[in-house]
Amino acid sequence: MAKKVVATLKSADAKQFTKVIKAVKTSKGSYSFEERVVSKDMANDFLK
């Protein structure tokens, strides 16, 4: 599956995308990870 995502992100027509991983604290006090593929412009907004 990762190869498919990388191939899609490298296409010449598409915008520049990046995969962002963010640690999110759950209600129990542990951490889980949220992954999302976003454009480079929106990456900083996702991490806030």
N, C-alpha and C. Protein backbone atom coordinates (compact mmCIF):
# COMPACT_ATOMS: atom_id res chain seq x y z
N MET A 1 0.83 -1.19 0.00
CA MET A 1 0.00 0.00 0.00
C MET A 1 0.87 1.25 0.00
N ALA A 2 1.97 1.24 0.69
CA ALA A 2 2.83 2.41 0.75
C ALA A 2 3.38 2.74 -0.63
N LYS A 3 3.71 1.73 -1.43
CA LYS A 3 4.23 1.97 -2.76
C LYS A 3 3.18 2.68 -3.61
N LYS A 4 1.93 2.32 -3.45
CA LYS A 4 0.87 2.94 -4.23
C LYS A 4 0.74 4.42 -3.86
N VAL A 5 0.83 4.75 -2.59
CA VAL A 5 0.73 6.14 -2.15
C VAL A 5 1.91 6.95 -2.69
N VAL A 6 3.10 6.41 -2.61
CA VAL A 6 4.29 7.11 -3.10
C VAL A 6 4.18 7.35 -4.59
N ALA A 7 3.73 6.37 -5.35
CA ALA A 7 3.59 6.53 -6.79
C ALA A 7 2.56 7.61 -7.11
N THR A 8 1.49 7.69 -6.35
CA THR A 8 0.47 8.71 -6.58
C THR A 8 1.01 10.09 -6.24
N LEU A 9 1.79 10.20 -5.20
CA LEU A 9 2.31 11.50 -4.78
C LEU A 9 3.36 12.05 -5.74
N LYS A 10 4.01 11.19 -6.50
CA LYS A 10 5.07 11.62 -7.38
C LYS A 10 4.61 11.91 -8.80
N SER A 11 3.31 11.82 -9.10
CA SER A 11 2.85 12.07 -10.46
C SER A 11 3.09 13.53 -10.83
N ALA A 12 3.40 13.78 -12.07
CA ALA A 12 3.79 15.12 -12.52
C ALA A 12 2.62 16.10 -12.48
N ASP A 13 1.39 15.63 -12.67
CA ASP A 13 0.23 16.52 -12.73
C ASP A 13 -0.20 17.00 -11.35
N ALA A 14 0.04 16.19 -10.35
CA ALA A 14 -0.49 16.46 -9.01
C ALA A 14 0.27 17.58 -8.31
N LYS A 15 -0.39 18.16 -7.32
CA LYS A 15 0.27 19.12 -6.44
C LYS A 15 1.30 18.38 -5.61
N GLN A 16 2.10 19.11 -4.90
CA GLN A 16 3.08 18.51 -4.01
C GLN A 16 2.36 18.09 -2.72
N PHE A 17 2.38 16.80 -2.43
CA PHE A 17 1.73 16.26 -1.24
C PHE A 17 2.77 15.68 -0.30
N THR A 18 2.40 15.58 0.96
CA THR A 18 3.26 14.97 1.95
C THR A 18 2.41 14.19 2.94
N LYS A 19 2.98 13.15 3.52
CA LYS A 19 2.28 12.34 4.52
C LYS A 19 2.65 12.88 5.89
N VAL A 20 1.65 13.24 6.69
CA VAL A 20 1.87 13.85 8.00
C VAL A 20 1.37 12.90 9.08
N ILE A 21 2.18 12.70 10.11
CA ILE A 21 1.81 11.84 11.24
C ILE A 21 1.83 12.70 12.50
N LYS A 22 0.72 12.67 13.25
CA LYS A 22 0.57 13.52 14.43
C LYS A 22 0.20 12.65 15.63
N ALA A 23 0.85 12.87 16.77
CA ALA A 23 0.52 12.16 18.00
C ALA A 23 -0.64 12.87 18.69
N VAL A 24 -1.69 12.12 19.02
CA VAL A 24 -2.88 12.68 19.65
C VAL A 24 -3.10 11.97 20.98
N LYS A 25 -3.30 12.74 22.05
CA LYS A 25 -3.52 12.17 23.38
C LYS A 25 -4.99 11.76 23.51
N THR A 26 -5.24 10.52 23.92
CA THR A 26 -6.60 10.03 24.09
C THR A 26 -7.12 10.38 25.48
N SER A 27 -8.38 10.11 25.71
CA SER A 27 -8.99 10.42 27.00
C SER A 27 -8.42 9.56 28.14
N LYS A 28 -7.85 8.40 27.81
CA LYS A 28 -7.26 7.52 28.82
C LYS A 28 -5.84 7.95 29.20
N GLY A 29 -5.28 8.91 28.48
CA GLY A 29 -3.94 9.38 28.79
C GLY A 29 -2.85 8.80 27.90
N SER A 30 -3.20 7.84 27.05
CA SER A 30 -2.22 7.28 26.14
C SER A 30 -2.22 8.06 24.82
N TYR A 31 -1.26 7.78 23.97
CA TYR A 31 -1.16 8.48 22.70
C TYR A 31 -1.49 7.55 21.55
N SER A 32 -2.16 8.09 20.55
CA SER A 32 -2.39 7.38 19.30
C SER A 32 -1.89 8.27 18.17
N PHE A 33 -1.73 7.72 17.01
CA PHE A 33 -1.18 8.46 15.89
C PHE A 33 -2.23 8.65 14.81
N GLU A 34 -2.31 9.86 14.29
CA GLU A 34 -3.23 10.20 13.22
C GLU A 34 -2.40 10.49 11.97
N GLU A 35 -2.66 9.75 10.90
CA GLU A 35 -1.93 9.92 9.64
C GLU A 35 -2.85 10.53 8.60
N ARG A 36 -2.29 11.43 7.81
CA ARG A 36 -3.07 12.05 6.76
C ARG A 36 -2.14 12.48 5.63
N VAL A 37 -2.61 12.38 4.39
CA VAL A 37 -1.86 12.87 3.24
C VAL A 37 -2.47 14.22 2.86
N VAL A 38 -1.65 15.27 2.98
CA VAL A 38 -2.13 16.63 2.71
C VAL A 38 -1.14 17.34 1.79
N SER A 39 -1.59 18.45 1.21
CA SER A 39 -0.69 19.25 0.39
C SER A 39 0.33 19.92 1.29
N LYS A 40 1.46 20.29 0.72
CA LYS A 40 2.53 20.90 1.54
C LYS A 40 2.06 22.20 2.18
N ASP A 41 1.14 22.91 1.53
CA ASP A 41 0.63 24.16 2.08
C ASP A 41 -0.17 23.93 3.36
N MET A 42 -0.87 22.82 3.45
CA MET A 42 -1.75 22.54 4.58
C MET A 42 -1.07 21.74 5.70
N ALA A 43 0.17 21.33 5.53
CA ALA A 43 0.85 20.48 6.51
C ALA A 43 0.98 21.16 7.86
N ASN A 44 1.38 22.43 7.89
CA ASN A 44 1.54 23.14 9.17
C ASN A 44 0.20 23.35 9.86
N ASP A 45 -0.87 23.57 9.10
CA ASP A 45 -2.20 23.73 9.69
C ASP A 45 -2.66 22.44 10.36
N PHE A 46 -2.33 21.30 9.77
CA PHE A 46 -2.72 20.00 10.34
C PHE A 46 -2.00 19.74 11.67
N LEU A 47 -0.76 20.18 11.78
CA LEU A 47 0.02 19.90 12.99
C LEU A 47 -0.32 20.82 14.16
N LYS A 48 -1.06 21.86 13.94
CA LYS A 48 -1.43 22.79 15.04
C LYS A 48 -2.58 22.25 15.83
